[in-house]
Every structure is written in C-alpha cells, then in structure tokens.
Amino acid sequence: MELAHEDQFIKRMQKGDERAFEVIMKHYQHRLYSLIIGIVKNDDETAEVAQDVFMKVFNKAQSFQFNSKFSTWLYSIAYN
C-alpha cells in the first residue's frame, strides 16, 4: 500500500517536522518490524532495533536524495 503524497511527507520530515515523521513511521512500522524480526528472531530486540532504525531515519532524513524508493532506503538502514 502506498502512502499518498509520500514525497511531501518526506520533504517535511527532512525539515524536522515530527508529525510528518509520525505519518511515515506509522505507514512503515509493520513492514519494518517484519523485516527486522526475520533477522534478529526476538520480539524484544526487534522492537528496540525498529526504534533505533526510525531514530536514524529521522536524524539522517536529509541524506535521502529521492534516487530510489524511500522504502528501499529505509530497509537498507534496517538491514545494516
């Protein structure tokens, strides 16, 4: 499922808009959790890693250059 106007939310998040970040986080949280649980195999660690990933996304949002899908960028942060 696509997030309507995702690019606009990303641009707002890049400017520090926490509400835009919340929208993006809510949109991707289940898919991100599924990816992480497949790697770490532990619910408690998965929740902690997911939180760390989202904090990195918010703090490094300006490095997203729209050269790929946002989900690809997000999942590469989680995987690494």
PDB file of N, CA and C in Angstrom:
ATOM      1  N   MET A   1       0.834  -1.167   0.000  1.00  0.00           N
ATOM      2  CA  MET A   1       0.000   0.000   0.000  1.00  0.00           C
ATOM      3  C   MET A   1       0.893   1.249   0.000  1.00  0.00           C
ATOM      4  N   GLU A   2       0.600   2.157  -0.873  1.00  0.00           N
ATOM      5  CA  GLU A   2       1.381   3.381  -0.994  1.00  0.00           C
ATOM      6  C   GLU A   2       0.827   4.474  -0.086  1.00  0.00           C
ATOM      7  N   LEU A   3       1.698   5.306   0.383  1.00  0.00           N
ATOM      8  CA  LEU A   3       1.333   6.461   1.184  1.00  0.00           C
ATOM      9  C   LEU A   3       1.087   7.621   0.227  1.00  0.00           C
ATOM     10  N   ALA A   4      -0.121   8.142   0.218  1.00  0.00           N
ATOM     11  CA  ALA A   4      -0.458   9.261  -0.660  1.00  0.00           C
ATOM     12  C   ALA A   4       0.442  10.451  -0.321  1.00  0.00           C
ATOM     13  N   HIS A   5       1.021  11.041  -1.331  1.00  0.00           N
ATOM     14  CA  HIS A   5       1.874  12.225  -1.166  1.00  0.00           C
ATOM     15  C   HIS A   5       3.099  11.930  -0.294  1.00  0.00           C
ATOM     16  N   GLU A   6       3.628  10.721  -0.402  1.00  0.00           N
ATOM     17  CA  GLU A   6       4.767  10.319   0.421  1.00  0.00           C
ATOM     18  C   GLU A   6       5.928  11.303   0.298  1.00  0.00           C
ATOM     19  N   ASP A   7       6.229  11.754  -0.924  1.00  0.00           N
ATOM     20  CA  ASP A   7       7.345  12.681  -1.114  1.00  0.00           C
ATOM     21  C   ASP A   7       7.167  13.955  -0.297  1.00  0.00           C
ATOM     22  N   GLN A   8       5.940  14.426  -0.198  1.00  0.00           N
ATOM     23  CA  GLN A   8       5.693  15.640   0.584  1.00  0.00           C
ATOM     24  C   GLN A   8       5.969  15.409   2.071  1.00  0.00           C
ATOM     25  N   PHE A   9       5.568  14.234   2.565  1.00  0.00           N
ATOM     26  CA  PHE A   9       5.830  13.903   3.966  1.00  0.00           C
ATOM     27  C   PHE A   9       7.336  13.771   4.207  1.00  0.00           C
ATOM     28  N   ILE A  10       8.039  13.174   3.264  1.00  0.00           N
ATOM     29  CA  ILE A  10       9.488  13.015   3.400  1.00  0.00           C
ATOM     30  C   ILE A  10      10.162  14.382   3.431  1.00  0.00           C
ATOM     31  N   LYS A  11       9.773  15.267   2.529  1.00  0.00           N
ATOM     32  CA  LYS A  11      10.370  16.612   2.499  1.00  0.00           C
ATOM     33  C   LYS A  11      10.100  17.365   3.794  1.00  0.00           C
ATOM     34  N   ARG A  12       8.904  17.205   4.325  1.00  0.00           N
ATOM     35  CA  ARG A  12       8.586  17.847   5.602  1.00  0.00           C
ATOM     36  C   ARG A  12       9.421  17.238   6.727  1.00  0.00           C
ATOM     37  N   MET A  13       9.578  15.911   6.709  1.00  0.00           N
ATOM     38  CA  MET A  13      10.395  15.242   7.714  1.00  0.00           C
ATOM     39  C   MET A  13      11.839  15.723   7.610  1.00  0.00           C
ATOM     40  N   GLN A  14      12.333  15.921   6.397  1.00  0.00           N
ATOM     41  CA  GLN A  14      13.695  16.404   6.212  1.00  0.00           C
ATOM     42  C   GLN A  14      13.909  17.785   6.819  1.00  0.00           C
ATOM     43  N   LYS A  15      12.834  18.526   6.977  1.00  0.00           N
ATOM     44  CA  LYS A  15      12.903  19.855   7.605  1.00  0.00           C
ATOM     45  C   LYS A  15      12.656  19.794   9.111  1.00  0.00           C
ATOM     46  N   GLY A  16      12.537  18.569   9.644  1.00  0.00           N
ATOM     47  CA  GLY A  16      12.368  18.395  11.077  1.00  0.00           C
ATOM     48  C   GLY A  16      10.935  18.280  11.554  1.00  0.00           C
ATOM     49  N   ASP A  17       9.990  18.123  10.644  1.00  0.00           N
ATOM     50  CA  ASP A  17       8.569  18.034  11.000  1.00  0.00           C
ATOM     51  C   ASP A  17       8.279  16.669  11.637  1.00  0.00           C
ATOM     52  N   GLU A  18       8.047  16.669  12.931  1.00  0.00           N
ATOM     53  CA  GLU A  18       7.813  15.424  13.660  1.00  0.00           C
ATOM     54  C   GLU A  18       6.482  14.773  13.298  1.00  0.00           C
ATOM     55  N   ARG A  19       5.486  15.562  12.950  1.00  0.00           N
ATOM     56  CA  ARG A  19       4.183  14.987  12.565  1.00  0.00           C
ATOM     57  C   ARG A  19       4.311  14.230  11.248  1.00  0.00           C
ATOM     58  N   ALA A  20       5.065  14.764  10.310  1.00  0.00           N
ATOM     59  CA  ALA A  20       5.295  14.064   9.047  1.00  0.00           C
ATOM     60  C   ALA A  20       6.057  12.768   9.304  1.00  0.00           C
ATOM     61  N   PHE A  21       7.021  12.825  10.208  1.00  0.00           N
ATOM     62  CA  PHE A  21       7.771  11.635  10.594  1.00  0.00           C
ATOM     63  C   PHE A  21       6.844  10.573  11.181  1.00  0.00           C
ATOM     64  N   GLU A  22       5.905  10.986  12.025  1.00  0.00           N
ATOM     65  CA  GLU A  22       4.945  10.043  12.614  1.00  0.00           C
ATOM     66  C   GLU A  22       4.112   9.350  11.540  1.00  0.00           C
ATOM     67  N   VAL A  23       3.681  10.096  10.543  1.00  0.00           N
ATOM     68  CA  VAL A  23       2.892   9.512   9.454  1.00  0.00           C
ATOM     69  C   VAL A  23       3.712   8.463   8.727  1.00  0.00           C
ATOM     70  N   ILE A  24       4.939   8.793   8.423  1.00  0.00           N
ATOM     71  CA  ILE A  24       5.818   7.850   7.723  1.00  0.00           C
ATOM     72  C   ILE A  24       6.088   6.633   8.599  1.00  0.00           C
ATOM     73  N   MET A  25       6.370   6.866   9.865  1.00  0.00           N
ATOM     74  CA  MET A  25       6.651   5.770  10.791  1.00  0.00           C
ATOM     75  C   MET A  25       5.458   4.813  10.882  1.00  0.00           C
ATOM     76  N   LYS A  26       4.265   5.364  11.041  1.00  0.00           N
ATOM     77  CA  LYS A  26       3.072   4.518  11.140  1.00  0.00           C
ATOM     78  C   LYS A  26       2.835   3.732   9.861  1.00  0.00           C
ATOM     79  N   HIS A  27       3.130   4.359   8.731  1.00  0.00           N
ATOM     80  CA  HIS A  27       2.925   3.690   7.451  1.00  0.00           C
ATOM     81  C   HIS A  27       3.861   2.485   7.285  1.00  0.00           C
ATOM     82  N   TYR A  28       5.088   2.604   7.735  1.00  0.00           N
ATOM     83  CA  TYR A  28       6.098   1.566   7.510  1.00  0.00           C
ATOM     84  C   TYR A  28       6.349   0.654   8.701  1.00  0.00           C
ATOM     85  N   GLN A  29       5.770   0.915   9.857  1.00  0.00           N
ATOM     86  CA  GLN A  29       6.158   0.181  11.061  1.00  0.00           C
ATOM     87  C   GLN A  29       5.949  -1.328  10.969  1.00  0.00           C
ATOM     88  N   HIS A  30       4.851  -1.775  10.387  1.00  0.00           N
ATOM     89  CA  HIS A  30       4.603  -3.225  10.330  1.00  0.00           C
ATOM     90  C   HIS A  30       5.556  -3.923   9.370  1.00  0.00           C
ATOM     91  N   ARG A  31       5.800  -3.318   8.229  1.00  0.00           N
ATOM     92  CA  ARG A  31       6.733  -3.925   7.277  1.00  0.00           C
ATOM     93  C   ARG A  31       8.159  -3.905   7.818  1.00  0.00           C
ATOM     94  N   LEU A  32       8.527  -2.819   8.479  1.00  0.00           N
ATOM     95  CA  LEU A  32       9.863  -2.747   9.057  1.00  0.00           C
ATOM     96  C   LEU A  32      10.014  -3.794  10.163  1.00  0.00           C
ATOM     97  N   TYR A  33       9.007  -3.917  11.008  1.00  0.00           N
ATOM     98  CA  TYR A  33       9.037  -4.910  12.075  1.00  0.00           C
ATOM     99  C   TYR A  33       9.193  -6.316  11.497  1.00  0.00           C
ATOM    100  N   SER A  34       8.464  -6.618  10.423  1.00  0.00           N
ATOM    101  CA  SER A  34       8.555  -7.938   9.785  1.00  0.00           C
ATOM    102  C   SER A  34       9.961  -8.205   9.249  1.00  0.00           C
ATOM    103  N   LEU A  35      10.559  -7.196   8.662  1.00  0.00           N
ATOM    104  CA  LEU A  35      11.927  -7.347   8.154  1.00  0.00           C
ATOM    105  C   LEU A  35      12.893  -7.619   9.297  1.00  0.00           C
ATOM    106  N   ILE A  36      12.785  -6.841  10.353  1.00  0.00           N
ATOM    107  CA  ILE A  36      13.734  -6.965  11.476  1.00  0.00           C
ATOM    108  C   ILE A  36      13.544  -8.272  12.221  1.00  0.00           C
ATOM    109  N   ILE A  37      12.316  -8.698  12.453  1.00  0.00           N
ATOM    110  CA  ILE A  37      12.091  -9.955  13.186  1.00  0.00           C
ATOM    111  C   ILE A  37      12.677 -11.139  12.418  1.00  0.00           C
ATOM    112  N   GLY A  38      12.666 -11.040  11.093  1.00  0.00           N
ATOM    113  CA  GLY A  38      13.274 -12.085  10.276  1.00  0.00           C
ATOM    114  C   GLY A  38      14.784 -12.155  10.440  1.00  0.00           C
ATOM    115  N   ILE A  39      15.378 -11.055  10.858  1.00  0.00           N
ATOM    116  CA  ILE A  39      16.829 -11.005  11.037  1.00  0.00           C
ATOM    117  C   ILE A  39      17.223 -11.351  12.472  1.00  0.00           C
ATOM    118  N   VAL A  40      16.585 -10.719  13.448  1.00  0.00           N
ATOM    119  CA  VAL A  40      17.019 -10.892  14.840  1.00  0.00           C
ATOM    120  C   VAL A  40      16.286 -12.009  15.587  1.00  0.00           C
ATOM    121  N   LYS A  41      15.109 -12.404  15.116  1.00  0.00           N
ATOM    122  CA  LYS A  41      14.358 -13.543  15.666  1.00  0.00           C
ATOM    123  C   LYS A  41      13.974 -13.409  17.138  1.00  0.00           C
ATOM    124  N   ASN A  42      13.806 -12.162  17.630  1.00  0.00           N
ATOM    125  CA  ASN A  42      13.467 -11.940  19.030  1.00  0.00           C
ATOM    126  C   ASN A  42      12.604 -10.688  19.119  1.00  0.00           C
ATOM    127  N   ASP A  43      11.420 -10.831  19.712  1.00  0.00           N
ATOM    128  CA  ASP A  43      10.482  -9.705  19.775  1.00  0.00           C
ATOM    129  C   ASP A  43      11.036  -8.484  20.500  1.00  0.00           C
ATOM    130  N   ASP A  44      11.673  -8.696  21.650  1.00  0.00           N
ATOM    131  CA  ASP A  44      12.193  -7.570  22.415  1.00  0.00           C
ATOM    132  C   ASP A  44      13.282  -6.831  21.643  1.00  0.00           C
ATOM    133  N   GLU A  45      14.196  -7.588  21.059  1.00  0.00           N
ATOM    134  CA  GLU A  45      15.266  -6.968  20.277  1.00  0.00           C
ATOM    135  C   GLU A  45      14.704  -6.303  19.024  1.00  0.00           C
ATOM    136  N   THR A  46      13.686  -6.893  18.429  1.00  0.00           N
ATOM    137  CA  THR A  46      13.080  -6.327  17.231  1.00  0.00           C
ATOM    138  C   THR A  46      12.502  -4.953  17.510  1.00  0.00           C
ATOM    139  N   ALA A  47      11.797  -4.825  18.612  1.00  0.00           N
ATOM    140  CA  ALA A  47      11.221  -3.530  18.969  1.00  0.00           C
ATOM    141  C   ALA A  47      12.315  -2.488  19.193  1.00  0.00           C
ATOM    142  N   GLU A  48      13.387  -2.883  19.846  1.00  0.00           N
ATOM    143  CA  GLU A  48      14.498  -1.966  20.106  1.00  0.00           C
ATOM    144  C   GLU A  48      15.193  -1.559  18.805  1.00  0.00           C
ATOM    145  N   VAL A  49      15.441  -2.522  17.936  1.00  0.00           N
ATOM    146  CA  VAL A  49      16.089  -2.227  16.654  1.00  0.00           C
ATOM    147  C   VAL A  49      15.189  -1.330  15.801  1.00  0.00           C
ATOM    148  N   ALA A  50      13.891  -1.617  15.769  1.00  0.00           N
ATOM    149  CA  ALA A  50      12.960  -0.791  14.991  1.00  0.00           C
ATOM    150  C   ALA A  50      12.989   0.654  15.478  1.00  0.00           C
ATOM    151  N   GLN A  51      13.013   0.847  16.786  1.00  0.00           N
ATOM    152  CA  GLN A  51      13.076   2.193  17.342  1.00  0.00           C
ATOM    153  C   GLN A  51      14.381   2.871  16.917  1.00  0.00           C
ATOM    154  N   ASP A  52      15.485   2.135  16.982  1.00  0.00           N
ATOM    155  CA  ASP A  52      16.778   2.690  16.564  1.00  0.00           C
ATOM    156  C   ASP A  52      16.766   3.070  15.084  1.00  0.00           C
ATOM    157  N   VAL A  53      16.165   2.223  14.264  1.00  0.00           N
ATOM    158  CA  VAL A  53      16.097   2.496  12.826  1.00  0.00           C
ATOM    159  C   VAL A  53      15.298   3.772  12.570  1.00  0.00           C
ATOM    160  N   PHE A  54      14.150   3.896  13.201  1.00  0.00           N
ATOM    161  CA  PHE A  54      13.340   5.092  12.979  1.00  0.00           C
ATOM    162  C   PHE A  54      14.051   6.356  13.472  1.00  0.00           C
ATOM    163  N   MET A  55      14.809   6.267  14.553  1.00  0.00           N
ATOM    164  CA  MET A  55      15.554   7.434  15.009  1.00  0.00           C
ATOM    165  C   MET A  55      16.644   7.802  13.995  1.00  0.00           C
ATOM    166  N   LYS A  56      17.299   6.796  13.428  1.00  0.00           N
ATOM    167  CA  LYS A  56      18.298   7.065  12.390  1.00  0.00           C
ATOM    168  C   LYS A  56      17.646   7.686  11.165  1.00  0.00           C
ATOM    169  N   VAL A  57      16.484   7.187  10.800  1.00  0.00           N
ATOM    170  CA  VAL A  57      15.764   7.735   9.651  1.00  0.00           C
ATOM    171  C   VAL A  57      15.465   9.209   9.879  1.00  0.00           C
ATOM    172  N   PHE A  58      14.973   9.539  11.052  1.00  0.00           N
ATOM    173  CA  PHE A  58      14.644  10.941  11.338  1.00  0.00           C
ATOM    174  C   PHE A  58      15.902  11.806  11.344  1.00  0.00           C
ATOM    175  N   ASN A  59      16.947  11.315  11.991  1.00  0.00           N
ATOM    176  CA  ASN A  59      18.182  12.096  12.109  1.00  0.00           C
ATOM    177  C   ASN A  59      18.953  12.217  10.797  1.00  0.00           C
ATOM    178  N   LYS A  60      18.791  11.250   9.912  1.00  0.00           N
ATOM    179  CA  LYS A  60      19.522  11.255   8.644  1.00  0.00           C
ATOM    180  C   LYS A  60      18.611  11.500   7.445  1.00  0.00           C
ATOM    181  N   ALA A  61      17.413  11.971   7.696  1.00  0.00           N
ATOM    182  CA  ALA A  61      16.428  12.154   6.625  1.00  0.00           C
ATOM    183  C   ALA A  61      16.953  13.022   5.495  1.00  0.00           C
ATOM    184  N   GLN A  62      17.772  13.996   5.818  1.00  0.00           N
ATOM    185  CA  GLN A  62      18.280  14.890   4.784  1.00  0.00           C
ATOM    186  C   GLN A  62      19.207  14.174   3.807  1.00  0.00           C
ATOM    187  N   SER A  63      19.716  13.023   4.175  1.00  0.00           N
ATOM    188  CA  SER A  63      20.594  12.288   3.258  1.00  0.00           C
ATOM    189  C   SER A  63      19.804  11.501   2.209  1.00  0.00           C
ATOM    190  N   PHE A  64      18.496  11.378   2.402  1.00  0.00           N
ATOM    191  CA  PHE A  64      17.671  10.716   1.381  1.00  0.00           C
ATOM    192  C   PHE A  64      17.529  11.669   0.200  1.00  0.00           C
ATOM    193  N   GLN A  65      17.955  11.207  -0.986  1.00  0.00           N
ATOM    194  CA  GLN A  65      18.030  12.080  -2.163  1.00  0.00           C
ATOM    195  C   GLN A  65      16.959  11.792  -3.219  1.00  0.00           C
ATOM    196  N   PHE A  66      16.006  10.928  -2.937  1.00  0.00           N
ATOM    197  CA  PHE A  66      14.925  10.586  -3.872  1.00  0.00           C
ATOM    198  C   PHE A  66      15.446   9.882  -5.132  1.00  0.00           C
ATOM    199  N   ASN A  67      16.628   9.246  -5.037  1.00  0.00           N
ATOM    200  CA  ASN A  67      17.167   8.484  -6.165  1.00  0.00           C
ATOM    201  C   ASN A  67      16.617   7.070  -6.208  1.00  0.00           C
ATOM    202  N   SER A  68      15.998   6.664  -5.131  1.00  0.00           N
ATOM    203  CA  SER A  68      15.383   5.339  -5.033  1.00  0.00           C
ATOM    204  C   SER A  68      14.075   5.509  -4.279  1.00  0.00           C
ATOM    205  N   LYS A  69      13.367   4.410  -4.118  1.00  0.00           N
ATOM    206  CA  LYS A  69      12.157   4.466  -3.305  1.00  0.00           C
ATOM    207  C   LYS A  69      12.561   4.673  -1.847  1.00  0.00           C
ATOM    208  N   PHE A  70      11.740   5.396  -1.128  1.00  0.00           N
ATOM    209  CA  PHE A  70      12.012   5.631   0.286  1.00  0.00           C
ATOM    210  C   PHE A  70      12.083   4.307   1.042  1.00  0.00           C
ATOM    211  N   SER A  71      11.198   3.376   0.699  1.00  0.00           N
ATOM    212  CA  SER A  71      11.184   2.081   1.394  1.00  0.00           C
ATOM    213  C   SER A  71      12.516   1.360   1.220  1.00  0.00           C
ATOM    214  N   THR A  72      13.128   1.458   0.055  1.00  0.00           N
ATOM    215  CA  THR A  72      14.425   0.826  -0.183  1.00  0.00           C
ATOM    216  C   THR A  72      15.476   1.430   0.739  1.00  0.00           C
ATOM    217  N   TRP A  73      15.463   2.747   0.848  1.00  0.00           N
ATOM    218  CA  TRP A  73      16.409   3.442   1.727  1.00  0.00           C
ATOM    219  C   TRP A  73      16.179   3.045   3.182  1.00  0.00           C
ATOM    220  N   LEU A  74      14.922   3.030   3.605  1.00  0.00           N
ATOM    221  CA  LEU A  74      14.564   2.658   4.968  1.00  0.00           C
ATOM    222  C   LEU A  74      15.015   1.233   5.280  1.00  0.00           C
ATOM    223  N   TYR A  75      14.714   0.293   4.393  1.00  0.00           N
ATOM    224  CA  TYR A  75      15.048  -1.105   4.646  1.00  0.00           C
ATOM    225  C   TYR A  75      16.563  -1.326   4.638  1.00  0.00           C
ATOM    226  N   SER A  76      17.305  -0.546   3.855  1.00  0.00           N
ATOM    227  CA  SER A  76      18.757  -0.700   3.865  1.00  0.00           C
ATOM    228  C   SER A  76      19.324  -0.224   5.203  1.00  0.00           C
ATOM    229  N   ILE A  77      18.739   0.807   5.781  1.00  0.00           N
ATOM    230  CA  ILE A  77      19.161   1.238   7.121  1.00  0.00           C
ATOM    231  C   ILE A  77      18.881   0.129   8.123  1.00  0.00           C
ATOM    232  N   ALA A  78      17.712  -0.461   8.044  1.00  0.00           N
ATOM    233  CA  ALA A  78      17.354  -1.548   8.975  1.00  0.00           C
ATOM    234  C   ALA A  78      18.273  -2.757   8.792  1.00  0.00           C
ATOM    235  N   TYR A  79      18.537  -3.103   7.565  1.00  0.00           N
ATOM    236  CA  TYR A  79      19.352  -4.288   7.305  1.00  0.00           C
ATOM    237  C   TYR A  79      20.782  -4.089   7.781  1.00  0.00           C
ATOM    238  N   ASN A  80      21.277  -2.898   7.613  1.00  0.00           N
ATOM    239  CA  ASN A  80      22.669  -2.623   8.030  1.00  0.00           C
ATOM    240  C   ASN A  80      22.762  -2.425   9.538  1.00  0.00           C
TER     241      ASN A  80
END
